[in-house]
Amino acid sequence: MHTILLLHGALGTKRQLAFLADGLDHTRCLSPTFSGHGQGEVPPEGLSFDLFLADIDAALEKESGPVHLFGYSMGGYAALLWAARHPGRVASVATLGTKLLWTEDGLRKELARLDPATMEEKVPEFAMGLAAAHGPARWKDLVAHTAALIERTAAQPPLTDAVLAAIECPVLLCVGDRDSTAVPGDTLRVAGQLKDAGVLVLPRTRHPFEDADLDLLITQLSRFWEGVAPEE
């Protein structure tokens, strides 16, 4: 099997996908932490998908053959963008909970969630986890930069019709049936724009990664990867 690159979501680090990596027996997994996350400072220019794509470039610098990309949420968006730019280097893309279409209402809901004061009041354990993962002095700044990135993405989505059309490899878009962020209907609509895409709807699953049934996800991902024709 080719190398699998695991890409975490917004406000996460590579540790977010550690349990997934552990479950993929006999598989070589790489998992970078995106710039501005973890112990890395947000650069002066802020966060951008170009920055994240450069992180993927660095993670795969020594890989010669095609790789499988798996991305959760924001990581899935970056994976699709990278696949469009590097068609010969990607064997497949799988995503989970990736928001692919934006509306004004959806944007407002996401920005409302990205308020540090609200996080500390309503989900204090989550806020404490962000402080532990990114540093007590950095996590609120990361949240603000993430909100700014989401606003720019909603205003000018990098995954245009032309970019989606440039993705040559097989794609599996996974989404929870109760995911109010990625939205199953939106995921199905975007799948129809891709050349070779399937959709997996996970039962009784909301957006947070820890809500997913990892045994089911690993089984379905393994079947997907096994079904991808090897590159010549």
C-alpha atoms as a PDB file:
ATOM      1  CA  MET A   1       0.000   0.000   0.000  1.00  0.00           C
ATOM      2  CA  HIS A   2       1.111   3.545  -0.676  1.00  0.00           C
ATOM      3  CA  THR A   3       1.890   5.984   2.095  1.00  0.00           C
ATOM      4  CA  ILE A   4      -1.142   7.602   3.723  1.00  0.00           C
ATOM      5  CA  LEU A   5      -0.941  11.267   4.720  1.00  0.00           C
ATOM      6  CA  LEU A   6      -3.325  12.186   7.548  1.00  0.00           C
ATOM      7  CA  LEU A   7      -4.348  15.846   7.781  1.00  0.00           C
ATOM      8  CA  HIS A   8      -6.020  17.235  10.895  1.00  0.00           C
ATOM      9  CA  GLY A   9      -8.800  19.789  11.107  1.00  0.00           C
ATOM     10  CA  ALA A  10      -8.888  23.449  12.135  1.00  0.00           C
ATOM     11  CA  LEU A  11      -7.715  24.052  15.715  1.00  0.00           C
ATOM     12  CA  GLY A  12      -6.279  20.541  15.820  1.00  0.00           C
ATOM     13  CA  THR A  13      -2.814  19.011  15.622  1.00  0.00           C
ATOM     14  CA  LYS A  14      -1.512  15.719  14.279  1.00  0.00           C
ATOM     15  CA  ARG A  15      -2.493  14.143  17.613  1.00  0.00           C
ATOM     16  CA  GLN A  16      -6.135  14.523  16.606  1.00  0.00           C
ATOM     17  CA  LEU A  17      -5.693  11.635  14.152  1.00  0.00           C
ATOM     18  CA  ALA A  18      -3.363   9.497  16.277  1.00  0.00           C
ATOM     19  CA  PHE A  19      -6.033   6.884  17.037  1.00  0.00           C
ATOM     20  CA  LEU A  20      -6.827   6.602  13.343  1.00  0.00           C
ATOM     21  CA  ALA A  21      -3.146   6.078  12.540  1.00  0.00           C
ATOM     22  CA  ASP A  22      -2.888   3.410  15.258  1.00  0.00           C
ATOM     23  CA  GLY A  23      -5.853   1.570  13.754  1.00  0.00           C
ATOM     24  CA  LEU A  24      -4.335   1.416  10.280  1.00  0.00           C
ATOM     25  CA  ASP A  25      -2.171  -1.651  10.857  1.00  0.00           C
ATOM     26  CA  HIS A  26       0.660  -2.452   8.451  1.00  0.00           C
ATOM     27  CA  THR A  27       0.314   0.974   6.867  1.00  0.00           C
ATOM     28  CA  ARG A  28       2.856   3.795   6.679  1.00  0.00           C
ATOM     29  CA  CYS A  29       1.171   6.961   7.925  1.00  0.00           C
ATOM     30  CA  LEU A  30       2.550  10.481   7.904  1.00  0.00           C
ATOM     31  CA  SER A  31       0.788  13.198   9.863  1.00  0.00           C
ATOM     32  CA  PRO A  32       2.068  16.782   9.955  1.00  0.00           C
ATOM     33  CA  THR A  33       0.779  19.594  12.134  1.00  0.00           C
ATOM     34  CA  PHE A  34      -0.287  22.564  10.026  1.00  0.00           C
ATOM     35  CA  SER A  35       1.519  25.896  10.353  1.00  0.00           C
ATOM     36  CA  GLY A  36       0.189  28.086  13.154  1.00  0.00           C
ATOM     37  CA  HIS A  37      -1.081  25.061  15.079  1.00  0.00           C
ATOM     38  CA  GLY A  38       0.473  23.221  17.994  1.00  0.00           C
ATOM     39  CA  GLN A  39       3.727  24.853  19.013  1.00  0.00           C
ATOM     40  CA  GLY A  40       4.037  26.810  15.766  1.00  0.00           C
ATOM     41  CA  GLU A  41       3.402  30.543  15.706  1.00  0.00           C
ATOM     42  CA  VAL A  42       0.845  31.943  13.290  1.00  0.00           C
ATOM     43  CA  PRO A  43       2.901  33.757  10.630  1.00  0.00           C
ATOM     44  CA  PRO A  44       2.461  37.540  10.238  1.00  0.00           C
ATOM     45  CA  GLU A  45       0.411  37.065   7.069  1.00  0.00           C
ATOM     46  CA  GLY A  46      -2.034  34.808   8.905  1.00  0.00           C
ATOM     47  CA  LEU A  47      -3.374  31.400   7.911  1.00  0.00           C
ATOM     48  CA  SER A  48      -4.109  30.371   4.341  1.00  0.00           C
ATOM     49  CA  PHE A  49      -4.592  27.233   2.318  1.00  0.00           C
ATOM     50  CA  ASP A  50      -1.451  28.095   0.362  1.00  0.00           C
ATOM     51  CA  LEU A  51       0.389  27.865   3.675  1.00  0.00           C
ATOM     52  CA  PHE A  52      -1.186  24.484   4.416  1.00  0.00           C
ATOM     53  CA  LEU A  53      -0.380  23.219   0.922  1.00  0.00           C
ATOM     54  CA  ALA A  54       3.253  24.143   1.524  1.00  0.00           C
ATOM     55  CA  ASP A  55       3.071  22.073   4.735  1.00  0.00           C
ATOM     56  CA  ILE A  56       1.879  19.112   2.662  1.00  0.00           C
ATOM     57  CA  ASP A  57       4.715  19.719   0.179  1.00  0.00           C
ATOM     58  CA  ALA A  58       7.200  19.531   3.054  1.00  0.00           C
ATOM     59  CA  ALA A  59       5.605  16.402   4.540  1.00  0.00           C
ATOM     60  CA  LEU A  60       5.788  14.582   1.194  1.00  0.00           C
ATOM     61  CA  GLU A  61       9.149  15.926   0.053  1.00  0.00           C
ATOM     62  CA  LYS A  62      10.833  12.517   0.316  1.00  0.00           C
ATOM     63  CA  GLU A  63       7.918  10.495  -1.075  1.00  0.00           C
ATOM     64  CA  SER A  64       8.486   9.333  -4.639  1.00  0.00           C
ATOM     65  CA  GLY A  65       5.313   7.357  -5.332  1.00  0.00           C
ATOM     66  CA  PRO A  66       1.647   8.337  -5.270  1.00  0.00           C
ATOM     67  CA  VAL A  67       0.157   8.763  -1.797  1.00  0.00           C
ATOM     68  CA  HIS A  68      -3.301   8.439  -0.300  1.00  0.00           C
ATOM     69  CA  LEU A  69      -4.536  11.611   1.381  1.00  0.00           C
ATOM     70  CA  PHE A  70      -7.006  11.600   4.264  1.00  0.00           C
ATOM     71  CA  GLY A  71      -8.190  14.868   5.745  1.00  0.00           C
ATOM     72  CA  TYR A  72     -10.609  15.679   8.523  1.00  0.00           C
ATOM     73  CA  SER A  73     -12.660  18.880   8.085  1.00  0.00           C
ATOM     74  CA  MET A  74     -10.210  21.634   7.058  1.00  0.00           C
ATOM     75  CA  GLY A  75      -7.584  18.970   6.366  1.00  0.00           C
ATOM     76  CA  GLY A  76      -9.886  17.404   3.786  1.00  0.00           C
ATOM     77  CA  TYR A  77     -10.260  20.752   2.019  1.00  0.00           C
ATOM     78  CA  ALA A  78      -6.472  21.071   1.856  1.00  0.00           C
ATOM     79  CA  ALA A  79      -6.171  17.490   0.599  1.00  0.00           C
ATOM     80  CA  LEU A  80      -8.546  18.146  -2.303  1.00  0.00           C
ATOM     81  CA  LEU A  81      -6.682  21.327  -3.231  1.00  0.00           C
ATOM     82  CA  TRP A  82      -3.334  19.501  -3.172  1.00  0.00           C
ATOM     83  CA  ALA A  83      -4.723  16.671  -5.302  1.00  0.00           C
ATOM     84  CA  ALA A  84      -5.859  19.182  -7.916  1.00  0.00           C
ATOM     85  CA  ARG A  85      -2.390  20.718  -8.061  1.00  0.00           C
ATOM     86  CA  HIS A  86      -0.477  17.416  -8.079  1.00  0.00           C
ATOM     87  CA  PRO A  87      -2.591  14.855  -9.965  1.00  0.00           C
ATOM     88  CA  GLY A  88       0.299  12.504 -10.637  1.00  0.00           C
ATOM     89  CA  ARG A  89       1.322  12.292  -7.012  1.00  0.00           C
ATOM     90  CA  VAL A  90      -2.028  11.353  -5.456  1.00  0.00           C
ATOM     91  CA  ALA A  91      -3.481   7.834  -5.490  1.00  0.00           C
ATOM     92  CA  SER A  92      -6.723   8.868  -3.777  1.00  0.00           C
ATOM     93  CA  VAL A  93      -8.326  11.393  -1.445  1.00  0.00           C
ATOM     94  CA  ALA A  94     -10.651  10.613   1.452  1.00  0.00           C
ATOM     95  CA  THR A  95     -12.229  13.299   3.602  1.00  0.00           C
ATOM     96  CA  LEU A  96     -14.356  13.350   6.742  1.00  0.00           C
ATOM     97  CA  GLY A  97     -16.606  16.212   7.772  1.00  0.00           C
ATOM     98  CA  THR A  98     -15.218  18.648   5.215  1.00  0.00           C
ATOM     99  CA  LYS A  99     -17.380  21.702   4.573  1.00  0.00           C
ATOM    100  CA  LEU A 100     -17.436  22.071   0.807  1.00  0.00           C
ATOM    101  CA  LEU A 101     -20.200  24.636   0.260  1.00  0.00           C
ATOM    102  CA  TRP A 102     -20.754  27.910   2.114  1.00  0.00           C
ATOM    103  CA  THR A 103     -23.884  29.978   2.737  1.00  0.00           C
ATOM    104  CA  GLU A 104     -24.314  33.169   4.756  1.00  0.00           C
ATOM    105  CA  ASP A 105     -26.194  31.267   7.423  1.00  0.00           C
ATOM    106  CA  GLY A 106     -23.542  28.558   7.568  1.00  0.00           C
ATOM    107  CA  LEU A 107     -20.798  31.165   7.842  1.00  0.00           C
ATOM    108  CA  ARG A 108     -22.553  32.945  10.708  1.00  0.00           C
ATOM    109  CA  LYS A 109     -22.963  29.682  12.598  1.00  0.00           C
ATOM    110  CA  GLU A 110     -19.295  28.768  12.200  1.00  0.00           C
ATOM    111  CA  LEU A 111     -18.059  32.221  13.226  1.00  0.00           C
ATOM    112  CA  ALA A 112     -20.330  32.181  16.281  1.00  0.00           C
ATOM    113  CA  ARG A 113     -18.607  28.984  17.396  1.00  0.00           C
ATOM    114  CA  LEU A 114     -15.178  30.566  16.925  1.00  0.00           C
ATOM    115  CA  ASP A 115     -15.400  33.021  19.819  1.00  0.00           C
ATOM    116  CA  PRO A 116     -12.909  32.350  22.637  1.00  0.00           C
ATOM    117  CA  ALA A 117     -15.115  33.902  25.321  1.00  0.00           C
ATOM    118  CA  THR A 118     -18.068  31.763  24.265  1.00  0.00           C
ATOM    119  CA  MET A 119     -15.840  28.696  24.196  1.00  0.00           C
ATOM    120  CA  GLU A 120     -14.611  29.347  27.730  1.00  0.00           C
ATOM    121  CA  GLU A 121     -18.170  29.842  28.967  1.00  0.00           C
ATOM    122  CA  LYS A 122     -20.067  27.110  27.119  1.00  0.00           C
ATOM    123  CA  VAL A 123     -17.415  24.467  26.357  1.00  0.00           C
ATOM    124  CA  PRO A 124     -14.687  25.058  28.976  1.00  0.00           C
ATOM    125  CA  GLU A 125     -13.163  21.591  28.522  1.00  0.00           C
ATOM    126  CA  PHE A 126     -12.744  22.261  24.798  1.00  0.00           C
ATOM    127  CA  ALA A 127     -11.138  25.642  25.539  1.00  0.00           C
ATOM    128  CA  MET A 128      -8.768  24.002  28.023  1.00  0.00           C
ATOM    129  CA  GLY A 129      -7.870  21.441  25.379  1.00  0.00           C
ATOM    130  CA  LEU A 130      -7.030  24.202  22.898  1.00  0.00           C
ATOM    131  CA  ALA A 131      -4.838  25.898  25.498  1.00  0.00           C
ATOM    132  CA  ALA A 132      -3.013  22.626  26.117  1.00  0.00           C
ATOM    133  CA  ALA A 133      -2.565  21.869  22.410  1.00  0.00           C
ATOM    134  CA  HIS A 134      -1.547  25.320  21.195  1.00  0.00           C
ATOM    135  CA  GLY A 135      -0.338  27.117  24.318  1.00  0.00           C
ATOM    136  CA  PRO A 136      -2.258  29.240  26.854  1.00  0.00           C
ATOM    137  CA  ALA A 137      -0.914  32.425  25.257  1.00  0.00           C
ATOM    138  CA  ARG A 138      -1.552  31.348  21.633  1.00  0.00           C
ATOM    139  CA  TRP A 139      -4.836  29.514  21.334  1.00  0.00           C
ATOM    140  CA  LYS A 140      -7.100  32.574  21.230  1.00  0.00           C
ATOM    141  CA  ASP A 141      -4.978  34.103  18.479  1.00  0.00           C
ATOM    142  CA  LEU A 142      -5.225  30.847  16.519  1.00  0.00           C
ATOM    143  CA  VAL A 143      -9.010  30.893  16.891  1.00  0.00           C
ATOM    144  CA  ALA A 144      -9.139  34.471  15.562  1.00  0.00           C
ATOM    145  CA  HIS A 145      -6.941  33.625  12.569  1.00  0.00           C
ATOM    146  CA  THR A 146      -9.016  30.521  11.860  1.00  0.00           C
ATOM    147  CA  ALA A 147     -12.177  32.635  11.835  1.00  0.00           C
ATOM    148  CA  ALA A 148     -10.514  35.021   9.380  1.00  0.00           C
ATOM    149  CA  LEU A 149      -9.511  32.107   7.141  1.00  0.00           C
ATOM    150  CA  ILE A 150     -13.075  30.788   7.153  1.00  0.00           C
ATOM    151  CA  GLU A 151     -14.442  34.215   6.208  1.00  0.00           C
ATOM    152  CA  ARG A 152     -12.043  34.442   3.253  1.00  0.00           C
ATOM    153  CA  THR A 153     -12.805  30.877   2.198  1.00  0.00           C
ATOM    154  CA  ALA A 154     -16.550  31.513   2.257  1.00  0.00           C
ATOM    155  CA  ALA A 155     -16.136  34.748   0.268  1.00  0.00           C
ATOM    156  CA  GLN A 156     -13.813  33.245  -2.353  1.00  0.00           C
ATOM    157  CA  PRO A 157     -13.805  29.436  -2.138  1.00  0.00           C
ATOM    158  CA  PRO A 158     -10.508  27.985  -3.415  1.00  0.00           C
ATOM    159  CA  LEU A 159     -12.317  24.791  -4.445  1.00  0.00           C
ATOM    160  CA  THR A 160     -13.860  26.249  -7.587  1.00  0.00           C
ATOM    161  CA  ASP A 161     -15.581  24.175 -10.257  1.00  0.00           C
ATOM    162  CA  ALA A 162     -12.354  24.275 -12.274  1.00  0.00           C
ATOM    163  CA  VAL A 163     -10.288  23.041  -9.333  1.00  0.00           C
ATOM    164  CA  LEU A 164     -12.736  20.223  -8.610  1.00  0.00           C
ATOM    165  CA  ALA A 165     -12.599  19.243 -12.295  1.00  0.00           C
ATOM    166  CA  ALA A 166      -8.810  19.000 -12.093  1.00  0.00           C
ATOM    167  CA  ILE A 167      -8.939  16.224  -9.474  1.00  0.00           C
ATOM    168  CA  GLU A 168      -8.202  13.014 -11.383  1.00  0.00           C
ATOM    169  CA  CYS A 169      -7.929  10.460  -8.572  1.00  0.00           C
ATOM    170  CA  PRO A 170     -10.733   8.524  -6.835  1.00  0.00           C
ATOM    171  CA  VAL A 171     -12.308  10.463  -3.955  1.00  0.00           C
ATOM    172  CA  LEU A 172     -14.344   9.271  -0.971  1.00  0.00           C
ATOM    173  CA  LEU A 173     -16.242  12.009   0.871  1.00  0.00           C
ATOM    174  CA  CYS A 174     -17.291  10.855   4.346  1.00  0.00           C
ATOM    175  CA  VAL A 175     -19.811  12.812   6.404  1.00  0.00           C
ATOM    176  CA  GLY A 176     -21.877  12.177   9.505  1.00  0.00           C
ATOM    177  CA  ASP A 177     -25.630  12.028   9.114  1.00  0.00           C
ATOM    178  CA  ARG A 178     -25.933  14.572  11.943  1.00  0.00           C
ATOM    179  CA  ASP A 179     -23.100  16.838  10.813  1.00  0.00           C
ATOM    180  CA  SER A 180     -24.507  20.383  10.768  1.00  0.00           C
ATOM    181  CA  THR A 181     -21.158  21.801   9.608  1.00  0.00           C
ATOM    182  CA  ALA A 182     -20.257  19.713   6.554  1.00  0.00           C
ATOM    183  CA  VAL A 183     -23.940  18.871   5.812  1.00  0.00           C
ATOM    184  CA  PRO A 184     -24.618  15.545   4.014  1.00  0.00           C
ATOM    185  CA  GLY A 185     -26.645  17.164   1.230  1.00  0.00           C
ATOM    186  CA  ASP A 186     -23.855  19.578   0.370  1.00  0.00           C
ATOM    187  CA  THR A 187     -21.353  16.721   0.383  1.00  0.00           C
ATOM    188  CA  LEU A 188     -23.487  14.776  -2.092  1.00  0.00           C
ATOM    189  CA  ARG A 189     -23.799  17.794  -4.374  1.00  0.00           C
ATOM    190  CA  VAL A 190     -20.044  18.339  -4.549  1.00  0.00           C
ATOM    191  CA  ALA A 191     -19.425  14.632  -5.134  1.00  0.00           C
ATOM    192  CA  GLY A 192     -21.449  14.983  -8.312  1.00  0.00           C
ATOM    193  CA  GLN A 193     -18.946  17.539  -9.613  1.00  0.00           C
ATOM    194  CA  LEU A 194     -15.969  15.214  -9.207  1.00  0.00           C
ATOM    195  CA  LYS A 195     -14.853  12.751 -11.868  1.00  0.00           C
ATOM    196  CA  ASP A 196     -14.633   9.709  -9.614  1.00  0.00           C
ATOM    197  CA  ALA A 197     -16.244  10.223  -6.225  1.00  0.00           C
ATOM    198  CA  GLY A 198     -18.317   8.326  -3.703  1.00  0.00           C
ATOM    199  CA  VAL A 199     -20.023   9.454  -0.500  1.00  0.00           C
ATOM    200  CA  LEU A 200     -20.093   7.573   2.794  1.00  0.00           C
ATOM    201  CA  VAL A 201     -22.674   8.780   5.321  1.00  0.00           C
ATOM    202  CA  LEU A 202     -21.796   7.657   8.844  1.00  0.00           C
ATOM    203  CA  PRO A 203     -24.806   6.887  11.057  1.00  0.00           C
ATOM    204  CA  ARG A 204     -25.457   8.734  14.328  1.00  0.00           C
ATOM    205  CA  THR A 205     -22.408  10.939  13.758  1.00  0.00           C
ATOM    206  CA  ARG A 206     -21.978  14.680  14.318  1.00  0.00           C
ATOM    207  CA  HIS A 207     -19.092  16.852  13.152  1.00  0.00           C
ATOM    208  CA  PRO A 208     -16.443  16.361  15.895  1.00  0.00           C
ATOM    209  CA  PHE A 209     -13.839  13.782  14.901  1.00  0.00           C
ATOM    210  CA  GLU A 210     -14.209  11.950  18.199  1.00  0.00           C
ATOM    211  CA  ASP A 211     -17.886  11.382  17.340  1.00  0.00           C
ATOM    212  CA  ALA A 212     -16.967   9.064  14.466  1.00  0.00           C
ATOM    213  CA  ASP A 213     -17.008   5.291  14.860  1.00  0.00           C
ATOM    214  CA  LEU A 214     -13.333   4.662  14.137  1.00  0.00           C
ATOM    215  CA  ASP A 215     -13.771   0.925  13.611  1.00  0.00           C
ATOM    216  CA  LEU A 216     -16.380   1.588  10.922  1.00  0.00           C
ATOM    217  CA  LEU A 217     -14.342   4.420   9.404  1.00  0.00           C
ATOM    218  CA  ILE A 218     -11.154   2.362   9.241  1.00  0.00           C
ATOM    219  CA  THR A 219     -13.008  -0.565   7.659  1.00  0.00           C
ATOM    220  CA  GLN A 220     -14.544   1.649   4.974  1.00  0.00           C
ATOM    221  CA  LEU A 221     -11.326   3.549   4.287  1.00  0.00           C
ATOM    222  CA  SER A 222      -9.369   0.307   3.979  1.00  0.00           C
ATOM    223  CA  ARG A 223     -11.889  -1.024   1.453  1.00  0.00           C
ATOM    224  CA  PHE A 224     -11.674   2.221  -0.487  1.00  0.00           C
ATOM    225  CA  TRP A 225      -7.881   2.174  -0.593  1.00  0.00           C
ATOM    226  CA  GLU A 226      -7.794  -1.509  -1.559  1.00  0.00           C
ATOM    227  CA  GLY A 227     -10.166  -0.775  -4.423  1.00  0.00           C
ATOM    228  CA  VAL A 228      -8.044   1.999  -5.860  1.00  0.00           C
ATOM    229  CA  ALA A 229      -6.170   0.698  -8.882  1.00  0.00           C
ATOM    230  CA  PRO A 230      -2.396   0.859  -8.348  1.00  0.00           C
ATOM    231  CA  GLU A 231      -0.523   3.443 -10.367  1.00  0.00           C
ATOM    232  CA  GLU A 232       1.594   2.120 -13.194  1.00  0.00           C
END
